[in-house]
Amino acid sequence: MVTVELANRSGEEVEEEAAVELARRVLVAEGVGEGELGLLFVAPEEMQALKREHLGADEVTDVLSFPIDGREELPEGVPRQLGDAVLCPQVVGDAWREPLVHGLLHLLGYDHGDEMEAREVALRA
């Protein structure tokens, strides 16, 4: 099973159990049945700082992904570290599911384009 470490530093109430359940469902659908995932909800100021620091864009966004292992081959016995998906509830509001799926696909190595869009549509079904 995928272990999800969730933290909410956003100051907003979020549907934590539903987010964890969706994350696990997406990962299993993508063939990742075991590993560790960080799921973080942050305030707009922290999201803007992360985007500025890591992408050089001084603006707030809905989701950022910080991949570690993705789908790489790992030595026997080494747990898969998927990385972190960071969402900003004040930006996504109640529509957090699509940005979460988007961020998870980035953790698995997908880049923007037709293939990623097709997977997003399939996973929302």
Protein backbone atom coordinates (compact mmCIF):
# COMPACT_ATOMS: atom_id res chain seq x y z
CA MET A 1 0.00 0.00 0.00
CA VAL A 2 1.07 3.59 -0.56
CA THR A 3 1.76 5.39 2.70
CA VAL A 4 0.58 8.99 2.57
CA GLU A 5 2.04 11.54 4.95
CA LEU A 6 -0.39 14.44 4.96
CA ALA A 7 0.13 17.88 6.47
CA ASN A 8 -2.22 20.84 6.36
CA ARG A 9 -0.47 24.18 6.91
CA SER A 10 -2.99 26.15 4.86
CA GLY A 11 -5.19 27.41 7.67
CA GLU A 12 -8.16 26.03 5.71
CA GLU A 13 -10.22 22.93 6.35
CA VAL A 14 -9.51 20.27 3.73
CA GLU A 15 -11.01 16.87 2.95
CA GLU A 16 -7.97 14.96 4.16
CA GLU A 17 -9.39 11.44 4.01
CA ALA A 18 -10.84 11.99 0.54
CA ALA A 19 -7.51 13.39 -0.69
CA VAL A 20 -5.59 10.38 0.62
CA GLU A 21 -8.14 8.00 -0.90
CA LEU A 22 -7.95 9.72 -4.29
CA ALA A 23 -4.16 9.73 -4.22
CA ARG A 24 -4.02 6.01 -3.52
CA ARG A 25 -6.61 5.27 -6.21
CA VAL A 26 -4.68 7.26 -8.84
CA LEU A 27 -1.38 5.65 -7.92
CA VAL A 28 -2.81 2.12 -8.04
CA ALA A 29 -4.40 2.90 -11.43
CA GLU A 30 -0.95 3.97 -12.60
CA GLY A 31 0.62 0.73 -11.39
CA VAL A 32 2.12 2.03 -8.15
CA GLY A 33 0.86 -0.17 -5.34
CA GLU A 34 3.57 0.55 -2.81
CA GLY A 35 5.58 3.58 -1.84
CA GLU A 36 5.57 6.75 0.19
CA LEU A 37 3.89 10.01 -0.80
CA GLY A 38 3.89 13.42 0.82
CA LEU A 39 0.67 15.39 0.45
CA LEU A 40 0.85 18.96 1.69
CA PHE A 41 -1.74 21.74 1.80
CA VAL A 42 -0.26 25.24 2.14
CA ALA A 43 -1.36 28.87 2.26
CA PRO A 44 -0.95 31.13 -0.81
CA GLU A 45 2.14 32.85 0.60
CA GLU A 46 3.98 29.55 1.07
CA MET A 47 2.89 28.29 -2.36
CA GLN A 48 4.15 31.50 -3.98
CA ALA A 49 7.48 31.18 -2.16
CA LEU A 50 7.85 27.54 -3.28
CA LYS A 51 7.11 28.42 -6.91
CA ARG A 52 9.52 31.36 -6.80
CA GLU A 53 12.28 29.26 -5.22
CA HIS A 54 11.92 26.18 -7.42
CA LEU A 55 10.52 27.48 -10.72
CA GLY A 56 11.60 31.13 -10.73
CA ALA A 57 8.03 32.40 -11.09
CA ASP A 58 6.84 34.79 -8.37
CA GLU A 59 3.18 33.82 -8.36
CA VAL A 60 0.79 31.56 -6.52
CA THR A 61 -0.42 28.36 -8.21
CA ASP A 62 -2.81 25.50 -7.54
CA VAL A 63 -0.39 22.57 -7.31
CA LEU A 64 3.35 21.87 -7.36
CA SER A 65 5.04 18.50 -7.58
CA PHE A 66 8.44 17.55 -6.22
CA PRO A 67 9.21 14.06 -7.57
CA ILE A 68 11.85 11.75 -6.13
CA ASP A 69 11.74 8.18 -7.50
CA GLY A 70 8.80 8.29 -9.88
CA ARG A 71 8.77 5.01 -11.80
CA GLU A 72 12.52 4.41 -11.70
CA GLU A 73 13.80 0.90 -11.05
CA LEU A 74 14.80 0.55 -7.42
CA PRO A 75 17.02 -2.02 -5.76
CA GLU A 76 15.25 -4.86 -4.00
CA GLY A 77 13.99 -3.80 -0.57
CA VAL A 78 14.30 -0.06 -1.16
CA PRO A 79 10.96 1.68 -0.57
CA ARG A 80 9.69 3.91 -3.38
CA GLN A 81 9.76 7.59 -2.42
CA LEU A 82 7.28 9.20 -4.81
CA GLY A 83 7.88 12.76 -3.62
CA ASP A 84 5.53 15.53 -2.56
CA ALA A 85 2.37 16.99 -4.07
CA VAL A 86 1.67 20.47 -2.68
CA LEU A 87 -1.76 22.07 -3.06
CA CYS A 88 -3.09 25.48 -2.13
CA PRO A 89 -6.72 25.21 -0.92
CA GLN A 90 -7.26 28.96 -1.27
CA VAL A 91 -6.54 28.63 -5.00
CA VAL A 92 -8.21 25.29 -5.78
CA GLY A 93 -11.21 25.63 -3.47
CA ASP A 94 -13.63 22.73 -3.76
CA ALA A 95 -12.10 21.76 -7.12
CA TRP A 96 -9.00 20.21 -5.52
CA ARG A 97 -9.36 16.78 -7.12
CA GLU A 98 -8.19 17.72 -10.63
CA PRO A 99 -5.08 19.58 -9.42
CA LEU A 100 -4.24 16.65 -7.12
CA VAL A 101 -4.47 14.16 -10.01
CA HIS A 102 -2.37 16.53 -12.14
CA GLY A 103 0.29 16.79 -9.45
CA LEU A 104 0.41 13.04 -8.89
CA LEU A 105 0.93 12.40 -12.61
CA HIS A 106 3.88 14.81 -12.54
CA LEU A 107 5.34 12.79 -9.65
CA LEU A 108 5.13 9.72 -11.90
CA GLY A 109 7.04 11.42 -14.71
CA TYR A 110 4.28 12.74 -16.93
CA ASP A 111 4.88 16.07 -18.67
CA HIS A 112 2.21 18.42 -19.97
CA GLY A 113 0.77 17.21 -23.25
CA ASP A 114 -1.67 14.84 -24.87
CA GLU A 115 -0.63 11.74 -22.90
CA MET A 116 -0.97 13.48 -19.55
CA GLU A 117 -4.30 15.04 -20.52
CA ALA A 118 -5.63 11.62 -21.58
CA ARG A 119 -4.58 10.09 -18.26
CA GLU A 120 -6.22 12.94 -16.34
CA VAL A 121 -9.49 12.41 -18.20
CA ALA A 122 -9.34 8.64 -17.66
CA LEU A 123 -8.62 9.00 -13.95
CA ARG A 124 -11.49 11.44 -13.43
CA ALA A 125 -13.96 8.95 -14.91
